[in-house]
Amino acid sequence: MWTTFAATVGGSAAGLTGLTFIVVAFRFDVVATSQEYRNRAAQTVSLFLTTTVTASLVTLPQPTWALGVELLVAAAASASLLSVLDHAARRGTSQHARPVLVVALVVFAAGIAAAGLFAIAGSTKGLGFYAASALLGLTWGVYGTWVFLTQAGTQQTDAVAHASSGTR
């Protein structure tokens, strides 16, 4: 029952992964020189890849318990990677973790883990948690890509413009 949804979400996430690479390449001058933007780009790609991989797992014919184990492993790996990338993005700055980002990433991984726990127990009723996480991953990833496209480097440009206008 979930295979069509998973295939659709997985295909969308795979396509958005490619779009993210294009946006990063378009803004390479800024992303390459910013530790924060490099790690945020990696977070965005990680969201899309986790969504793609978990969608593949849901569509794969296998015992329900095996799907559960795989979803738990995917949730743990994703949560660990997203956390490390968030820390790396803030390294060397006085920035604290943004609460909205932390909540989104925790809910993303927790939904996948919850679906995995249900599946280990032999029930596919928890796949609604997977669906919510997949949609959250797509939404948050698109937001991240939009930030790269529209905001990456604008702080530097604004600072230069402000400094230039002060000297005239």
C-alpha atoms as a PDB file:
ATOM      1  CA  MET A   1       0.000   0.000   0.000  1.00  0.00           C
ATOM      2  CA  TRP A   2       2.910   2.374   0.652  1.00  0.00           C
ATOM      3  CA  THR A   3       5.023   1.477  -2.359  1.00  0.00           C
ATOM      4  CA  THR A   4       3.509   4.039  -4.735  1.00  0.00           C
ATOM      5  CA  PHE A   5       3.930   6.819  -2.187  1.00  0.00           C
ATOM      6  CA  ALA A   6       7.500   5.732  -1.440  1.00  0.00           C
ATOM      7  CA  ALA A   7       8.389   5.509  -5.132  1.00  0.00           C
ATOM      8  CA  THR A   8       7.007   9.000  -5.730  1.00  0.00           C
ATOM      9  CA  VAL A   9       8.795  10.496  -2.731  1.00  0.00           C
ATOM     10  CA  GLY A  10      12.020   8.674  -3.555  1.00  0.00           C
ATOM     11  CA  GLY A  11      11.985   9.920  -7.141  1.00  0.00           C
ATOM     12  CA  SER A  12      11.254  13.446  -5.965  1.00  0.00           C
ATOM     13  CA  ALA A  13      14.098  13.338  -3.439  1.00  0.00           C
ATOM     14  CA  ALA A  14      16.517  11.990  -6.045  1.00  0.00           C
ATOM     15  CA  GLY A  15      15.589  14.773  -8.463  1.00  0.00           C
ATOM     16  CA  LEU A  16      15.897  17.397  -5.750  1.00  0.00           C
ATOM     17  CA  THR A  17      19.335  16.045  -4.852  1.00  0.00           C
ATOM     18  CA  GLY A  18      20.439  16.825  -8.397  1.00  0.00           C
ATOM     19  CA  LEU A  19      18.864  20.277  -8.208  1.00  0.00           C
ATOM     20  CA  THR A  20      20.762  20.952  -4.987  1.00  0.00           C
ATOM     21  CA  PHE A  21      24.043  20.083  -6.689  1.00  0.00           C
ATOM     22  CA  ILE A  22      23.185  22.512  -9.482  1.00  0.00           C
ATOM     23  CA  VAL A  23      22.351  25.291  -6.997  1.00  0.00           C
ATOM     24  CA  VAL A  24      25.554  24.660  -5.055  1.00  0.00           C
ATOM     25  CA  ALA A  25      27.530  24.726  -8.305  1.00  0.00           C
ATOM     26  CA  PHE A  26      25.776  27.963  -9.287  1.00  0.00           C
ATOM     27  CA  ARG A  27      26.768  29.512  -5.938  1.00  0.00           C
ATOM     28  CA  PHE A  28      30.106  27.686  -5.712  1.00  0.00           C
ATOM     29  CA  ASP A  29      32.117  30.848  -5.062  1.00  0.00           C
ATOM     30  CA  VAL A  30      30.236  31.410  -1.801  1.00  0.00           C
ATOM     31  CA  VAL A  31      29.637  27.799  -0.747  1.00  0.00           C
ATOM     32  CA  ALA A  32      33.257  26.746  -1.299  1.00  0.00           C
ATOM     33  CA  THR A  33      34.601  29.499   0.930  1.00  0.00           C
ATOM     34  CA  SER A  34      32.069  29.103   3.747  1.00  0.00           C
ATOM     35  CA  GLN A  35      32.334  26.280   6.242  1.00  0.00           C
ATOM     36  CA  GLU A  36      28.746  26.936   7.281  1.00  0.00           C
ATOM     37  CA  TYR A  37      27.307  26.783   3.747  1.00  0.00           C
ATOM     38  CA  ARG A  38      29.326  23.673   2.829  1.00  0.00           C
ATOM     39  CA  ASN A  39      27.984  21.823   5.854  1.00  0.00           C
ATOM     40  CA  ARG A  40      24.432  23.119   5.360  1.00  0.00           C
ATOM     41  CA  ALA A  41      24.580  21.947   1.740  1.00  0.00           C
ATOM     42  CA  ALA A  42      25.717  18.541   2.974  1.00  0.00           C
ATOM     43  CA  GLN A  43      22.782  18.511   5.418  1.00  0.00           C
ATOM     44  CA  THR A  44      20.363  19.250   2.601  1.00  0.00           C
ATOM     45  CA  VAL A  45      21.797  16.485   0.438  1.00  0.00           C
ATOM     46  CA  SER A  46      21.692  14.144   3.450  1.00  0.00           C
ATOM     47  CA  LEU A  47      17.978  14.847   3.941  1.00  0.00           C
ATOM     48  CA  PHE A  48      17.284  14.056   0.301  1.00  0.00           C
ATOM     49  CA  LEU A  49      19.483  10.954   0.281  1.00  0.00           C
ATOM     50  CA  THR A  50      17.923   9.612   3.480  1.00  0.00           C
ATOM     51  CA  THR A  51      14.504  10.145   1.931  1.00  0.00           C
ATOM     52  CA  THR A  52      15.619   8.375  -1.258  1.00  0.00           C
ATOM     53  CA  VAL A  53      17.178   5.441   0.593  1.00  0.00           C
ATOM     54  CA  THR A  54      14.254   4.948   2.965  1.00  0.00           C
ATOM     55  CA  ALA A  55      11.832   5.142   0.030  1.00  0.00           C
ATOM     56  CA  SER A  56      13.832   2.399  -1.658  1.00  0.00           C
ATOM     57  CA  LEU A  57      13.645   0.289   1.487  1.00  0.00           C
ATOM     58  CA  VAL A  58       9.871   0.695   1.702  1.00  0.00           C
ATOM     59  CA  THR A  59       9.408  -0.386  -1.925  1.00  0.00           C
ATOM     60  CA  LEU A  60      11.767  -3.366  -1.611  1.00  0.00           C
ATOM     61  CA  PRO A  61       9.917  -6.678  -1.213  1.00  0.00           C
ATOM     62  CA  GLN A  62      11.088  -8.032   2.151  1.00  0.00           C
ATOM     63  CA  PRO A  63       9.821  -9.170   5.539  1.00  0.00           C
ATOM     64  CA  THR A  64       8.310  -6.385   7.633  1.00  0.00           C
ATOM     65  CA  TRP A  65      10.766  -6.960  10.482  1.00  0.00           C
ATOM     66  CA  ALA A  66      13.717  -6.529   8.076  1.00  0.00           C
ATOM     67  CA  LEU A  67      12.266  -3.225   6.873  1.00  0.00           C
ATOM     68  CA  GLY A  68      12.023  -2.169  10.510  1.00  0.00           C
ATOM     69  CA  VAL A  69      15.675  -2.904  11.198  1.00  0.00           C
ATOM     70  CA  GLU A  70      16.736  -1.081   8.050  1.00  0.00           C
ATOM     71  CA  LEU A  71      14.622   1.969   8.893  1.00  0.00           C
ATOM     72  CA  LEU A  72      16.104   2.095  12.404  1.00  0.00           C
ATOM     73  CA  VAL A  73      19.621   1.920  11.002  1.00  0.00           C
ATOM     74  CA  ALA A  74      18.793   4.623   8.432  1.00  0.00           C
ATOM     75  CA  ALA A  75      17.281   6.858  11.141  1.00  0.00           C
ATOM     76  CA  ALA A  76      20.300   6.457  13.424  1.00  0.00           C
ATOM     77  CA  ALA A  77      22.786   7.064  10.601  1.00  0.00           C
ATOM     78  CA  SER A  78      20.862  10.086   9.352  1.00  0.00           C
ATOM     79  CA  ALA A  79      20.450  11.612  12.818  1.00  0.00           C
ATOM     80  CA  SER A  80      24.162  11.167  13.522  1.00  0.00           C
ATOM     81  CA  LEU A  81      25.236  12.671  10.211  1.00  0.00           C
ATOM     82  CA  LEU A  82      22.804  15.596  10.419  1.00  0.00           C
ATOM     83  CA  SER A  83      23.981  16.344  13.963  1.00  0.00           C
ATOM     84  CA  VAL A  84      27.673  16.233  13.014  1.00  0.00           C
ATOM     85  CA  LEU A  85      27.040  18.497  10.019  1.00  0.00           C
ATOM     86  CA  ASP A  86      25.095  20.981  12.156  1.00  0.00           C
ATOM     87  CA  HIS A  87      27.934  21.111  14.663  1.00  0.00           C
ATOM     88  CA  ALA A  88      30.489  21.507  11.861  1.00  0.00           C
ATOM     89  CA  ALA A  89      28.461  24.353  10.325  1.00  0.00           C
ATOM     90  CA  ARG A  90      28.599  26.242  13.621  1.00  0.00           C
ATOM     91  CA  ARG A  91      32.260  25.434  14.428  1.00  0.00           C
ATOM     92  CA  GLY A  92      34.378  28.492  15.007  1.00  0.00           C
ATOM     93  CA  THR A  93      31.370  30.775  15.465  1.00  0.00           C
ATOM     94  CA  SER A  94      29.341  31.887  18.440  1.00  0.00           C
ATOM     95  CA  GLN A  95      26.173  30.545  16.843  1.00  0.00           C
ATOM     96  CA  HIS A  96      23.966  28.251  18.854  1.00  0.00           C
ATOM     97  CA  ALA A  97      21.887  25.506  17.285  1.00  0.00           C
ATOM     98  CA  ARG A  98      18.737  27.010  15.771  1.00  0.00           C
ATOM     99  CA  PRO A  99      15.759  25.500  17.605  1.00  0.00           C
ATOM    100  CA  VAL A 100      13.586  25.207  14.480  1.00  0.00           C
ATOM    101  CA  LEU A 101      16.367  23.306  12.696  1.00  0.00           C
ATOM    102  CA  VAL A 102      16.958  21.002  15.654  1.00  0.00           C
ATOM    103  CA  VAL A 103      13.240  20.239  15.945  1.00  0.00           C
ATOM    104  CA  ALA A 104      12.901  19.577  12.207  1.00  0.00           C
ATOM    105  CA  LEU A 105      15.894  17.235  12.119  1.00  0.00           C
ATOM    106  CA  VAL A 106      14.840  15.377  15.291  1.00  0.00           C
ATOM    107  CA  VAL A 107      11.279  14.934  14.020  1.00  0.00           C
ATOM    108  CA  PHE A 108      12.639  13.760  10.649  1.00  0.00           C
ATOM    109  CA  ALA A 109      14.810  11.034  12.174  1.00  0.00           C
ATOM    110  CA  ALA A 110      12.287  10.142  14.903  1.00  0.00           C
ATOM    111  CA  GLY A 111       9.528   9.526  12.357  1.00  0.00           C
ATOM    112  CA  ILE A 112      11.708   7.113  10.433  1.00  0.00           C
ATOM    113  CA  ALA A 113      12.711   5.390  13.685  1.00  0.00           C
ATOM    114  CA  ALA A 114       9.074   5.142  14.813  1.00  0.00           C
ATOM    115  CA  ALA A 115       8.121   3.515  11.510  1.00  0.00           C
ATOM    116  CA  GLY A 116      11.020   1.114  12.010  1.00  0.00           C
ATOM    117  CA  LEU A 117       9.877   0.169  15.507  1.00  0.00           C
ATOM    118  CA  PHE A 118       6.347  -0.545  14.281  1.00  0.00           C
ATOM    119  CA  ALA A 119       7.733  -2.660  11.452  1.00  0.00           C
ATOM    120  CA  ILE A 120       9.973  -4.648  13.799  1.00  0.00           C
ATOM    121  CA  ALA A 121       6.826  -5.403  15.794  1.00  0.00           C
ATOM    122  CA  GLY A 122       5.295  -6.745  12.566  1.00  0.00           C
ATOM    123  CA  SER A 123       2.995  -3.835  11.748  1.00  0.00           C
ATOM    124  CA  THR A 124       3.037  -1.511   8.756  1.00  0.00           C
ATOM    125  CA  LYS A 125       0.667   0.892  10.514  1.00  0.00           C
ATOM    126  CA  GLY A 126       3.654   2.994  11.575  1.00  0.00           C
ATOM    127  CA  LEU A 127       4.533   3.841   7.980  1.00  0.00           C
ATOM    128  CA  GLY A 128       2.491   7.009   8.409  1.00  0.00           C
ATOM    129  CA  PHE A 129       5.402   8.229  10.542  1.00  0.00           C
ATOM    130  CA  TYR A 130       7.726   7.418   7.643  1.00  0.00           C
ATOM    131  CA  ALA A 131       5.437   9.366   5.290  1.00  0.00           C
ATOM    132  CA  ALA A 132       5.459  12.430   7.551  1.00  0.00           C
ATOM    133  CA  SER A 133       9.254  12.262   7.812  1.00  0.00           C
ATOM    134  CA  ALA A 134       9.667  11.881   4.067  1.00  0.00           C
ATOM    135  CA  LEU A 135       7.509  14.946   3.423  1.00  0.00           C
ATOM    136  CA  LEU A 136       9.354  16.894   6.122  1.00  0.00           C
ATOM    137  CA  GLY A 137      12.695  15.883   4.572  1.00  0.00           C
ATOM    138  CA  LEU A 138      11.570  17.075   1.156  1.00  0.00           C
ATOM    139  CA  THR A 139      10.181  20.329   2.524  1.00  0.00           C
ATOM    140  CA  TRP A 140      13.174  21.157   4.703  1.00  0.00           C
ATOM    141  CA  GLY A 141      15.568  20.186   1.916  1.00  0.00           C
ATOM    142  CA  VAL A 142      13.817  22.466  -0.572  1.00  0.00           C
ATOM    143  CA  TYR A 143      13.991  25.271   1.971  1.00  0.00           C
ATOM    144  CA  GLY A 144      17.732  24.655   2.401  1.00  0.00           C
ATOM    145  CA  THR A 145      18.273  24.704  -1.347  1.00  0.00           C
ATOM    146  CA  TRP A 146      16.274  27.933  -1.628  1.00  0.00           C
ATOM    147  CA  VAL A 147      18.473  29.514   1.050  1.00  0.00           C
ATOM    148  CA  PHE A 148      21.611  28.646  -0.961  1.00  0.00           C
ATOM    149  CA  LEU A 149      20.111  30.080  -4.105  1.00  0.00           C
ATOM    150  CA  THR A 150      18.817  33.321  -2.624  1.00  0.00           C
ATOM    151  CA  GLN A 151      20.844  34.074   0.492  1.00  0.00           C
ATOM    152  CA  ALA A 152      24.290  32.487   0.207  1.00  0.00           C
ATOM    153  CA  GLY A 153      26.825  35.279   0.247  1.00  0.00           C
ATOM    154  CA  THR A 154      24.337  38.105   0.620  1.00  0.00           C
ATOM    155  CA  GLN A 155      25.691  38.910   4.072  1.00  0.00           C
ATOM    156  CA  GLN A 156      29.155  39.444   2.571  1.00  0.00           C
ATOM    157  CA  THR A 157      27.745  41.496  -0.324  1.00  0.00           C
ATOM    158  CA  ASP A 158      25.646  43.597   2.073  1.00  0.00           C
ATOM    159  CA  ALA A 159      28.673  44.212   4.296  1.00  0.00           C
ATOM    160  CA  VAL A 160      30.806  45.297   1.315  1.00  0.00           C
ATOM    161  CA  ALA A 161      28.029  47.556  -0.021  1.00  0.00           C
ATOM    162  CA  HIS A 162      27.525  49.070   3.427  1.00  0.00           C
ATOM    163  CA  ALA A 163      31.267  49.690   3.823  1.00  0.00           C
ATOM    164  CA  SER A 164      31.478  51.194   0.331  1.00  0.00           C
ATOM    165  CA  SER A 165      28.594  53.565   0.907  1.00  0.00           C
ATOM    166  CA  GLY A 166      30.198  54.757   4.139  1.00  0.00           C
ATOM    167  CA  THR A 167      33.385  55.803   2.337  1.00  0.00           C
ATOM    168  CA  ARG A 168      31.700  57.987  -0.278  1.00  0.00           C
END
